All heavy atoms as atom14 arrays in JSON, in Angstrom:
{
  "sequence": "LAIKAAEASYPVAFDSATRWIERLAAAHAQGLLERELRKLNRYRLLV",
  "atom14_mask": [
    [1, 1, 1, 1, 1, 1, 1, 1, 0, 0, 0, 0, 0, 0],
    [1, 1, 1, 1, 1, 0, 0, 0, 0, 0, 0, 0, 0, 0],
    [1, 1, 1, 1, 1, 1, 1, 1, 0, 0, 0, 0, 0, 0],
    [1, 1, 1, 1, 1, 1, 1, 1, 1, 0, 0, 0, 0, 0],
    [1, 1, 1, 1, 1, 0, 0, 0, 0, 0, 0, 0, 0, 0],
    [1, 1, 1, 1, 1, 0, 0, 0, 0, 0, 0, 0, 0, 0],
    [1, 1, 1, 1, 1, 1, 1, 1, 1, 0, 0, 0, 0, 0],
    [1, 1, 1, 1, 1, 0, 0, 0, 0, 0, 0, 0, 0, 0],
    [1, 1, 1, 1, 1, 1, 0, 0, 0, 0, 0, 0, 0, 0],
    [1, 1, 1, 1, 1, 1, 1, 1, 1, 1, 1, 1, 0, 0],
    [1, 1, 1, 1, 1, 1, 1, 0, 0, 0, 0, 0, 0, 0],
    [1, 1, 1, 1, 1, 1, 1, 0, 0, 0, 0, 0, 0, 0],
    [1, 1, 1, 1, 1, 0, 0, 0, 0, 0, 0, 0, 0, 0],
    [1, 1, 1, 1, 1, 1, 1, 1, 1, 1, 1, 0, 0, 0],
    [1, 1, 1, 1, 1, 1, 1, 1, 0, 0, 0, 0, 0, 0],
    [1, 1, 1, 1, 1, 1, 0, 0, 0, 0, 0, 0, 0, 0],
    [1, 1, 1, 1, 1, 0, 0, 0, 0, 0, 0, 0, 0, 0],
    [1, 1, 1, 1, 1, 1, 1, 0, 0, 0, 0, 0, 0, 0],
    [1, 1, 1, 1, 1, 1, 1, 1, 1, 1, 1, 0, 0, 0],
    [1, 1, 1, 1, 1, 1, 1, 1, 1, 1, 1, 1, 1, 1],
    [1, 1, 1, 1, 1, 1, 1, 1, 0, 0, 0, 0, 0, 0],
    [1, 1, 1, 1, 1, 1, 1, 1, 1, 0, 0, 0, 0, 0],
    [1, 1, 1, 1, 1, 1, 1, 1, 1, 1, 1, 0, 0, 0],
    [1, 1, 1, 1, 1, 1, 1, 1, 0, 0, 0, 0, 0, 0],
    [1, 1, 1, 1, 1, 0, 0, 0, 0, 0, 0, 0, 0, 0],
    [1, 1, 1, 1, 1, 0, 0, 0, 0, 0, 0, 0, 0, 0],
    [1, 1, 1, 1, 1, 0, 0, 0, 0, 0, 0, 0, 0, 0],
    [1, 1, 1, 1, 1, 1, 1, 1, 1, 1, 0, 0, 0, 0],
    [1, 1, 1, 1, 1, 0, 0, 0, 0, 0, 0, 0, 0, 0],
    [1, 1, 1, 1, 1, 1, 1, 1, 1, 0, 0, 0, 0, 0],
    [1, 1, 1, 1, 0, 0, 0, 0, 0, 0, 0, 0, 0, 0],
    [1, 1, 1, 1, 1, 1, 1, 1, 0, 0, 0, 0, 0, 0],
    [1, 1, 1, 1, 1, 1, 1, 1, 0, 0, 0, 0, 0, 0],
    [1, 1, 1, 1, 1, 1, 1, 1, 1, 0, 0, 0, 0, 0],
    [1, 1, 1, 1, 1, 1, 1, 1, 1, 1, 1, 0, 0, 0],
    [1, 1, 1, 1, 1, 1, 1, 1, 1, 0, 0, 0, 0, 0],
    [1, 1, 1, 1, 1, 1, 1, 1, 0, 0, 0, 0, 0, 0],
    [1, 1, 1, 1, 1, 1, 1, 1, 1, 1, 1, 0, 0, 0],
    [1, 1, 1, 1, 1, 1, 1, 1, 1, 0, 0, 0, 0, 0],
    [1, 1, 1, 1, 1, 1, 1, 1, 0, 0, 0, 0, 0, 0],
    [1, 1, 1, 1, 1, 1, 1, 1, 0, 0, 0, 0, 0, 0],
    [1, 1, 1, 1, 1, 1, 1, 1, 1, 1, 1, 0, 0, 0],
    [1, 1, 1, 1, 1, 1, 1, 1, 1, 1, 1, 1, 0, 0],
    [1, 1, 1, 1, 1, 1, 1, 1, 1, 1, 1, 0, 0, 0],
    [1, 1, 1, 1, 1, 1, 1, 1, 0, 0, 0, 0, 0, 0],
    [1, 1, 1, 1, 1, 1, 1, 1, 0, 0, 0, 0, 0, 0],
    [1, 1, 1, 1, 1, 1, 1, 0, 0, 0, 0, 0, 0, 0]
  ],
  "atom14_positions": [
    [[108.2, 127.05, 111.75], [107.92, 126.79, 110.34], [106.57, 126.09, 110.17], [105.82, 126.36, 109.23], [109.03, 125.94, 109.72], [110.38, 126.65, 109.55], [111.43, 125.66, 109.05], [110.26, 127.83, 108.58], [0.0, 0.0, 0.0], [0.0, 0.0, 0.0], [0.0, 0.0, 0.0], [0.0, 0.0, 0.0], [0.0, 0.0, 0.0], [0.0, 0.0, 0.0]],
    [[106.25, 125.21, 111.11], [104.96, 124.51, 111.04], [103.81, 125.48, 111.29], [102.74, 125.35, 110.69], [104.92, 123.37, 112.05], [0.0, 0.0, 0.0], [0.0, 0.0, 0.0], [0.0, 0.0, 0.0], [0.0, 0.0, 0.0], [0.0, 0.0, 0.0], [0.0, 0.0, 0.0], [0.0, 0.0, 0.0], [0.0, 0.0, 0.0], [0.0, 0.0, 0.0]],
    [[103.99, 126.45, 112.17], [102.95, 127.45, 112.4], [102.76, 128.31, 111.16], [101.62, 128.64, 110.78], [103.29, 128.3, 113.63], [103.06, 127.46, 114.9], [102.47, 129.59, 113.68], [103.41, 128.14, 116.18], [0.0, 0.0, 0.0], [0.0, 0.0, 0.0], [0.0, 0.0, 0.0], [0.0, 0.0, 0.0], [0.0, 0.0, 0.0], [0.0, 0.0, 0.0]],
    [[103.84, 128.66, 110.48], [103.72, 129.38, 109.2], [102.91, 128.54, 108.21], [102.08, 129.07, 107.45], [105.09, 129.69, 108.63], [105.85, 130.79, 109.36], [105.18, 132.14, 109.2], [106.0, 133.24, 109.82], [105.31, 134.57, 109.74], [0.0, 0.0, 0.0], [0.0, 0.0, 0.0], [0.0, 0.0, 0.0], [0.0, 0.0, 0.0], [0.0, 0.0, 0.0]],
    [[103.15, 127.24, 108.22], [102.41, 126.34, 107.32], [100.92, 126.34, 107.68], [100.06, 126.37, 106.8], [102.98, 124.94, 107.39], [0.0, 0.0, 0.0], [0.0, 0.0, 0.0], [0.0, 0.0, 0.0], [0.0, 0.0, 0.0], [0.0, 0.0, 0.0], [0.0, 0.0, 0.0], [0.0, 0.0, 0.0], [0.0, 0.0, 0.0], [0.0, 0.0, 0.0]],
    [[100.62, 126.29, 108.97], [99.22, 126.31, 109.41], [98.55, 127.61, 109.0], [97.38, 127.62, 108.59], [99.14, 126.13, 110.93], [0.0, 0.0, 0.0], [0.0, 0.0, 0.0], [0.0, 0.0, 0.0], [0.0, 0.0, 0.0], [0.0, 0.0, 0.0], [0.0, 0.0, 0.0], [0.0, 0.0, 0.0], [0.0, 0.0, 0.0], [0.0, 0.0, 0.0]],
    [[99.27, 128.71, 109.1], [98.73, 130.0, 108.68], [98.48, 130.03, 107.18], [97.62, 130.79, 106.71], [99.68, 131.12, 109.09], [99.77, 131.32, 110.6], [100.85, 132.3, 111.01], [101.69, 132.65, 110.15], [100.86, 132.71, 112.18], [0.0, 0.0, 0.0], [0.0, 0.0, 0.0], [0.0, 0.0, 0.0], [0.0, 0.0, 0.0], [0.0, 0.0, 0.0]],
    [[99.23, 129.23, 106.44], [99.06, 129.15, 104.99], [98.04, 128.08, 104.6], [97.96, 127.69, 103.43], [100.41, 128.87, 104.32], [0.0, 0.0, 0.0], [0.0, 0.0, 0.0], [0.0, 0.0, 0.0], [0.0, 0.0, 0.0], [0.0, 0.0, 0.0], [0.0, 0.0, 0.0], [0.0, 0.0, 0.0], [0.0, 0.0, 0.0], [0.0, 0.0, 0.0]],
    [[97.29, 127.59, 105.57], [96.19, 126.63, 105.37], [96.66, 125.2, 105.13], [95.87, 124.36, 104.69], [95.27, 127.07, 104.21], [94.69, 128.33, 104.5], [0.0, 0.0, 0.0], [0.0, 0.0, 0.0], [0.0, 0.0, 0.0], [0.0, 0.0, 0.0], [0.0, 0.0, 0.0], [0.0, 0.0, 0.0], [0.0, 0.0, 0.0], [0.0, 0.0, 0.0]],
    [[97.91, 124.88, 105.46], [98.38, 123.5, 105.35], [98.12, 122.75, 106.66], [98.44, 123.25, 107.74], [99.88, 123.46, 105.07], [100.29, 123.94, 103.71], [101.11, 125.05, 103.56], [99.88, 123.27, 102.56], [101.5, 125.5, 102.3], [100.27, 123.69, 101.3], [101.08, 124.81, 101.18], [101.47, 125.25, 99.94], [0.0, 0.0, 0.0], [0.0, 0.0, 0.0]],
    [[97.55, 121.54, 106.61], [97.43, 120.73, 107.82], [98.81, 120.22, 108.26], [99.6, 119.75, 107.43], [96.53, 119.58, 107.4], [96.64, 119.51, 105.91], [96.94, 120.9, 105.43], [0.0, 0.0, 0.0], [0.0, 0.0, 0.0], [0.0, 0.0, 0.0], [0.0, 0.0, 0.0], [0.0, 0.0, 0.0], [0.0, 0.0, 0.0], [0.0, 0.0, 0.0]],
    [[99.12, 120.36, 109.54], [100.44, 120.0, 110.06], [100.29, 119.16, 111.32], [99.24, 119.18, 111.98], [101.29, 121.26, 110.36], [101.44, 122.11, 109.11], [100.64, 122.1, 111.48], [0.0, 0.0, 0.0], [0.0, 0.0, 0.0], [0.0, 0.0, 0.0], [0.0, 0.0, 0.0], [0.0, 0.0, 0.0], [0.0, 0.0, 0.0], [0.0, 0.0, 0.0]],
    [[101.35, 118.42, 111.66], [101.36, 117.63, 112.89], [102.77, 117.59, 113.45], [103.75, 117.56, 112.68], [100.85, 116.22, 112.65], [0.0, 0.0, 0.0], [0.0, 0.0, 0.0], [0.0, 0.0, 0.0], [0.0, 0.0, 0.0], [0.0, 0.0, 0.0], [0.0, 0.0, 0.0], [0.0, 0.0, 0.0], [0.0, 0.0, 0.0], [0.0, 0.0, 0.0]],
    [[102.87, 117.59, 114.76], [104.17, 117.62, 115.45], [104.26, 116.49, 116.46], [103.28, 116.18, 117.13], [104.33, 118.96, 116.19], [105.56, 119.04, 117.06], [106.7, 119.67, 116.6], [105.57, 118.47, 118.34], [107.84, 119.75, 117.4], [106.71, 118.53, 119.14], [107.83, 119.17, 118.67], [0.0, 0.0, 0.0], [0.0, 0.0, 0.0], [0.0, 0.0, 0.0]],
    [[105.45, 115.89, 116.57], [105.74, 114.98, 117.68], [107.22, 114.66, 117.67], [107.93, 114.93, 116.68], [104.91, 113.7, 117.61], [104.4, 113.29, 119.0], [105.12, 113.56, 119.99], [103.32, 112.7, 119.09], [0.0, 0.0, 0.0], [0.0, 0.0, 0.0], [0.0, 0.0, 0.0], [0.0, 0.0, 0.0], [0.0, 0.0, 0.0], [0.0, 0.0, 0.0]],
    [[107.68, 114.09, 118.77], [109.07, 113.64, 118.82], [109.22, 112.38, 117.98], [108.24, 111.66, 117.72], [109.49, 113.36, 120.27], [108.77, 112.24, 120.77], [0.0, 0.0, 0.0], [0.0, 0.0, 0.0], [0.0, 0.0, 0.0], [0.0, 0.0, 0.0], [0.0, 0.0, 0.0], [0.0, 0.0, 0.0], [0.0, 0.0, 0.0], [0.0, 0.0, 0.0]],
    [[110.45, 112.09, 117.59], [110.7, 110.88, 116.81], [110.23, 109.64, 117.57], [109.62, 108.73, 117.0], [112.19, 110.78, 116.47], [0.0, 0.0, 0.0], [0.0, 0.0, 0.0], [0.0, 0.0, 0.0], [0.0, 0.0, 0.0], [0.0, 0.0, 0.0], [0.0, 0.0, 0.0], [0.0, 0.0, 0.0], [0.0, 0.0, 0.0], [0.0, 0.0, 0.0]],
    [[110.5, 109.62, 118.87], [110.1, 108.47, 119.68], [108.59, 108.28, 119.69], [108.08, 107.16, 119.55], [110.6, 108.64, 121.13], [112.03, 108.76, 121.12], [110.21, 107.46, 121.99], [0.0, 0.0, 0.0], [0.0, 0.0, 0.0], [0.0, 0.0, 0.0], [0.0, 0.0, 0.0], [0.0, 0.0, 0.0], [0.0, 0.0, 0.0], [0.0, 0.0, 0.0]],
    [[107.86, 109.4, 119.82], [106.4, 109.29, 119.85], [105.84, 108.9, 118.48], [104.86, 108.16, 118.42], [105.8, 110.62, 120.3], [106.09, 110.98, 121.75], [105.32, 110.08, 122.7], [103.88, 110.23, 122.54], [103.15, 111.17, 123.12], [103.73, 112.05, 123.93], [101.84, 111.23, 122.92], [0.0, 0.0, 0.0], [0.0, 0.0, 0.0], [0.0, 0.0, 0.0]],
    [[106.44, 109.38, 117.39], [105.99, 108.95, 116.07], [106.18, 107.44, 115.92], [105.3, 106.74, 115.39], [106.75, 109.68, 114.96], [106.3, 111.09, 114.69], [107.06, 112.23, 114.75], [104.99, 111.52, 114.3], [106.3, 113.33, 114.42], [105.03, 112.92, 114.14], [103.79, 110.86, 114.06], [103.91, 113.67, 113.75], [102.67, 111.6, 113.68], [102.75, 112.98, 113.53]],
    [[107.32, 106.94, 116.39], [107.59, 105.51, 116.27], [106.61, 104.71, 117.12], [106.11, 103.65, 116.71], [109.04, 105.19, 116.67], [110.02, 105.84, 115.69], [109.27, 103.68, 116.72], [109.78, 105.48, 114.23], [0.0, 0.0, 0.0], [0.0, 0.0, 0.0], [0.0, 0.0, 0.0], [0.0, 0.0, 0.0], [0.0, 0.0, 0.0], [0.0, 0.0, 0.0]],
    [[106.3, 105.19, 118.31], [105.32, 104.51, 119.16], [103.97, 104.43, 118.46], [103.28, 103.4, 118.52], [105.19, 105.24, 120.49], [106.4, 105.11, 121.4], [106.29, 105.97, 122.64], [105.32, 106.77, 122.73], [107.16, 105.85, 123.52], [0.0, 0.0, 0.0], [0.0, 0.0, 0.0], [0.0, 0.0, 0.0], [0.0, 0.0, 0.0], [0.0, 0.0, 0.0]],
    [[103.6, 105.49, 117.79], [102.32, 105.51, 117.07], [102.32, 104.5, 115.92], [101.35, 103.74, 115.75], [102.08, 106.92, 116.53], [100.81, 107.09, 115.71], [100.57, 108.56, 115.44], [99.43, 108.78, 114.55], [98.89, 109.97, 114.29], [99.39, 111.05, 114.87], [97.86, 110.08, 113.46], [0.0, 0.0, 0.0], [0.0, 0.0, 0.0], [0.0, 0.0, 0.0]],
    [[103.41, 104.45, 115.18], [103.5, 103.5, 114.07], [103.6, 102.07, 114.57], [103.03, 101.15, 113.96], [104.7, 103.84, 113.19], [104.64, 105.18, 112.44], [105.92, 105.4, 111.64], [103.41, 105.25, 111.53], [0.0, 0.0, 0.0], [0.0, 0.0, 0.0], [0.0, 0.0, 0.0], [0.0, 0.0, 0.0], [0.0, 0.0, 0.0], [0.0, 0.0, 0.0]],
    [[104.31, 101.86, 115.68], [104.44, 100.51, 116.24], [103.07, 99.98, 116.68], [102.76, 98.79, 116.48], [105.41, 100.52, 117.41], [0.0, 0.0, 0.0], [0.0, 0.0, 0.0], [0.0, 0.0, 0.0], [0.0, 0.0, 0.0], [0.0, 0.0, 0.0], [0.0, 0.0, 0.0], [0.0, 0.0, 0.0], [0.0, 0.0, 0.0], [0.0, 0.0, 0.0]],
    [[102.25, 100.86, 117.28], [100.92, 100.44, 117.7], [100.06, 100.06, 116.49], [99.33, 99.07, 116.51], [100.25, 101.56, 118.49], [0.0, 0.0, 0.0], [0.0, 0.0, 0.0], [0.0, 0.0, 0.0], [0.0, 0.0, 0.0], [0.0, 0.0, 0.0], [0.0, 0.0, 0.0], [0.0, 0.0, 0.0], [0.0, 0.0, 0.0], [0.0, 0.0, 0.0]],
    [[100.18, 100.84, 115.42], [99.43, 100.52, 114.2], [99.93, 99.21, 113.59], [99.14, 98.38, 113.14], [99.57, 101.66, 113.19], [0.0, 0.0, 0.0], [0.0, 0.0, 0.0], [0.0, 0.0, 0.0], [0.0, 0.0, 0.0], [0.0, 0.0, 0.0], [0.0, 0.0, 0.0], [0.0, 0.0, 0.0], [0.0, 0.0, 0.0], [0.0, 0.0, 0.0]],
    [[101.24, 99.02, 113.59], [101.83, 97.8, 113.03], [101.35, 96.57, 113.8], [101.05, 95.52, 113.2], [103.35, 97.89, 113.06], [104.04, 96.69, 112.53], [103.97, 96.31, 111.21], [104.84, 95.77, 113.14], [104.68, 95.21, 111.02], [105.21, 94.86, 112.19], [0.0, 0.0, 0.0], [0.0, 0.0, 0.0], [0.0, 0.0, 0.0], [0.0, 0.0, 0.0]],
    [[101.28, 96.68, 115.12], [100.84, 95.56, 115.94], [99.41, 95.15, 115.63], [99.03, 93.99, 115.82], [100.98, 95.93, 117.42], [0.0, 0.0, 0.0], [0.0, 0.0, 0.0], [0.0, 0.0, 0.0], [0.0, 0.0, 0.0], [0.0, 0.0, 0.0], [0.0, 0.0, 0.0], [0.0, 0.0, 0.0], [0.0, 0.0, 0.0], [0.0, 0.0, 0.0]],
    [[98.61, 96.1, 115.13], [97.22, 95.8, 114.77], [97.05, 95.5, 113.29], [95.93, 95.31, 112.82], [96.34, 97.0, 115.13], [96.35, 97.36, 116.61], [95.56, 98.63, 116.89], [94.4, 98.76, 116.51], [96.19, 99.58, 117.56], [0.0, 0.0, 0.0], [0.0, 0.0, 0.0], [0.0, 0.0, 0.0], [0.0, 0.0, 0.0], [0.0, 0.0, 0.0]],
    [[98.18, 95.43, 112.58], [98.11, 95.18, 111.14], [97.61, 96.36, 110.34], [97.1, 96.19, 109.22], [0.0, 0.0, 0.0], [0.0, 0.0, 0.0], [0.0, 0.0, 0.0], [0.0, 0.0, 0.0], [0.0, 0.0, 0.0], [0.0, 0.0, 0.0], [0.0, 0.0, 0.0], [0.0, 0.0, 0.0], [0.0, 0.0, 0.0], [0.0, 0.0, 0.0]],
    [[97.78, 97.57, 110.89], [97.23, 98.77, 110.26], [98.3, 99.78, 109.89], [98.01, 100.98, 109.76], [96.21, 99.43, 111.2], [95.0, 98.59, 111.6], [94.17, 99.32, 112.66], [94.15, 98.27, 110.38], [0.0, 0.0, 0.0], [0.0, 0.0, 0.0], [0.0, 0.0, 0.0], [0.0, 0.0, 0.0], [0.0, 0.0, 0.0], [0.0, 0.0, 0.0]],
    [[99.53, 99.32, 109.7], [100.62, 100.26, 109.45], [100.4, 101.05, 108.16], [100.55, 102.28, 108.14], [101.96, 99.53, 109.39], [103.18, 100.41, 109.08], [103.34, 101.5, 110.14], [104.44, 99.55, 108.98], [0.0, 0.0, 0.0], [0.0, 0.0, 0.0], [0.0, 0.0, 0.0], [0.0, 0.0, 0.0], [0.0, 0.0, 0.0], [0.0, 0.0, 0.0]],
    [[100.06, 100.37, 107.07], [99.86, 101.07, 105.8], [98.74, 102.09, 105.91], [98.83, 103.19, 105.36], [99.57, 100.06, 104.68], [100.76, 99.18, 104.31], [101.95, 100.01, 103.86], [101.74, 101.02, 103.14], [103.09, 99.66, 104.21], [0.0, 0.0, 0.0], [0.0, 0.0, 0.0], [0.0, 0.0, 0.0], [0.0, 0.0, 0.0], [0.0, 0.0, 0.0]],
    [[97.7, 101.71, 106.61], [96.58, 102.63, 106.8], [97.03, 103.86, 107.58], [96.64, 105.0, 107.25], [95.44, 101.92, 107.53], [94.25, 102.8, 107.85], [93.2, 101.98, 108.58], [92.08, 102.82, 109.02], [91.05, 102.39, 109.71], [90.96, 101.11, 110.05], [90.08, 103.21, 110.07], [0.0, 0.0, 0.0], [0.0, 0.0, 0.0], [0.0, 0.0, 0.0]],
    [[97.84, 103.65, 108.61], [98.32, 104.77, 109.42], [99.24, 105.68, 108.61], [99.15, 106.92, 108.72], [99.07, 104.24, 110.66], [99.51, 105.33, 111.63], [98.34, 106.01, 112.32], [97.21, 105.48, 112.28], [98.56, 107.09, 112.9], [0.0, 0.0, 0.0], [0.0, 0.0, 0.0], [0.0, 0.0, 0.0], [0.0, 0.0, 0.0], [0.0, 0.0, 0.0]],
    [[100.1, 105.11, 107.79], [100.97, 105.93, 106.95], [100.16, 106.75, 105.96], [100.47, 107.93, 105.7], [101.98, 105.04, 106.21], [103.05, 104.4, 107.1], [103.86, 103.39, 106.29], [103.97, 105.46, 107.71], [0.0, 0.0, 0.0], [0.0, 0.0, 0.0], [0.0, 0.0, 0.0], [0.0, 0.0, 0.0], [0.0, 0.0, 0.0], [0.0, 0.0, 0.0]],
    [[99.11, 106.16, 105.39], [98.25, 106.92, 104.49], [97.54, 108.05, 105.23], [97.37, 109.15, 104.7], [97.22, 106.0, 103.83], [97.8, 105.08, 102.76], [96.68, 104.47, 101.91], [95.74, 103.68, 102.69], [95.88, 102.4, 102.95], [96.96, 101.73, 102.49], [94.97, 101.74, 103.66], [0.0, 0.0, 0.0], [0.0, 0.0, 0.0], [0.0, 0.0, 0.0]],
    [[97.15, 107.77, 106.46], [96.49, 108.8, 107.28], [97.44, 109.96, 107.53], [97.05, 111.13, 107.43], [96.03, 108.17, 108.6], [95.32, 109.14, 109.53], [94.88, 108.42, 110.79], [94.2, 109.37, 111.77], [93.78, 108.67, 113.02], [0.0, 0.0, 0.0], [0.0, 0.0, 0.0], [0.0, 0.0, 0.0], [0.0, 0.0, 0.0], [0.0, 0.0, 0.0]],
    [[98.69, 109.65, 107.84], [99.67, 110.7, 108.09], [99.98, 111.49, 106.84], [100.33, 112.68, 106.91], [100.96, 110.1, 108.67], [100.84, 109.49, 110.07], [102.18, 108.92, 110.52], [100.36, 110.55, 111.07], [0.0, 0.0, 0.0], [0.0, 0.0, 0.0], [0.0, 0.0, 0.0], [0.0, 0.0, 0.0], [0.0, 0.0, 0.0], [0.0, 0.0, 0.0]],
    [[99.84, 110.86, 105.69], [100.12, 111.56, 104.44], [99.07, 112.63, 104.13], [99.24, 113.42, 103.2], [100.22, 110.57, 103.28], [101.59, 109.92, 103.22], [102.56, 110.44, 103.78], [101.68, 108.79, 102.56], [0.0, 0.0, 0.0], [0.0, 0.0, 0.0], [0.0, 0.0, 0.0], [0.0, 0.0, 0.0], [0.0, 0.0, 0.0], [0.0, 0.0, 0.0]],
    [[97.97, 112.65, 104.89], [97.0, 113.73, 104.73], [97.56, 115.05, 105.24], [97.09, 116.12, 104.86], [95.71, 113.4, 105.46], [94.99, 112.16, 104.94], [93.82, 111.79, 105.83], [93.22, 110.52, 105.45], [92.31, 109.87, 106.17], [91.91, 110.39, 107.33], [91.82, 108.72, 105.76], [0.0, 0.0, 0.0], [0.0, 0.0, 0.0], [0.0, 0.0, 0.0]],
    [[98.55, 114.95, 106.14], [99.2, 116.17, 106.62], [100.23, 116.61, 105.59], [101.08, 115.82, 105.17], [99.9, 115.91, 107.96], [98.97, 115.62, 109.1], [98.74, 114.31, 109.52], [98.31, 116.64, 109.76], [97.87, 114.03, 110.56], [97.44, 116.38, 110.82], [97.24, 115.06, 111.21], [96.38, 114.8, 112.24], [0.0, 0.0, 0.0], [0.0, 0.0, 0.0]],
    [[100.18, 117.86, 105.21], [101.15, 118.35, 104.24], [102.52, 118.52, 104.85], [103.53, 118.53, 104.14], [100.66, 119.67, 103.64], [99.4, 119.55, 102.8], [99.62, 118.68, 101.56], [100.67, 119.2, 100.71], [100.5, 120.14, 99.78], [99.3, 120.66, 99.59], [101.51, 120.56, 99.05], [0.0, 0.0, 0.0], [0.0, 0.0, 0.0], [0.0, 0.0, 0.0]],
    [[102.58, 118.65, 106.19], [103.86, 118.79, 106.87], [103.84, 118.03, 108.19], [102.93, 118.19, 109.0], [104.17, 120.27, 107.15], [105.44, 120.55, 107.96], [106.68, 120.14, 107.16], [105.53, 122.01, 108.36], [0.0, 0.0, 0.0], [0.0, 0.0, 0.0], [0.0, 0.0, 0.0], [0.0, 0.0, 0.0], [0.0, 0.0, 0.0], [0.0, 0.0, 0.0]],
    [[104.86, 117.19, 108.39], [105.1, 116.55, 109.68], [106.39, 117.1, 110.27], [107.4, 117.23, 109.56], [105.25, 115.03, 109.53], [104.06, 114.2, 109.07], [104.44, 112.72, 109.09], [102.84, 114.45, 109.94], [0.0, 0.0, 0.0], [0.0, 0.0, 0.0], [0.0, 0.0, 0.0], [0.0, 0.0, 0.0], [0.0, 0.0, 0.0], [0.0, 0.0, 0.0]],
    [[106.36, 117.41, 111.55], [107.58, 117.77, 112.27], [107.99, 116.58, 113.1], [107.22, 116.09, 113.93], [107.39, 119.01, 113.16], [108.7, 119.36, 113.87], [106.9, 120.19, 112.34], [0.0, 0.0, 0.0], [0.0, 0.0, 0.0], [0.0, 0.0, 0.0], [0.0, 0.0, 0.0], [0.0, 0.0, 0.0], [0.0, 0.0, 0.0], [0.0, 0.0, 0.0]]
  ]
}
């Protein structure tokens, strides 16, 4: 479904739940959680 989205010109990103949490935890530790969430919102679809 994400590849169909990419073909339709939507920016997409994929990762496991654990890896998404690791990414957010690293941002939170640096006080950048809100910034990271806004960055992820640039993707029209997250898997």
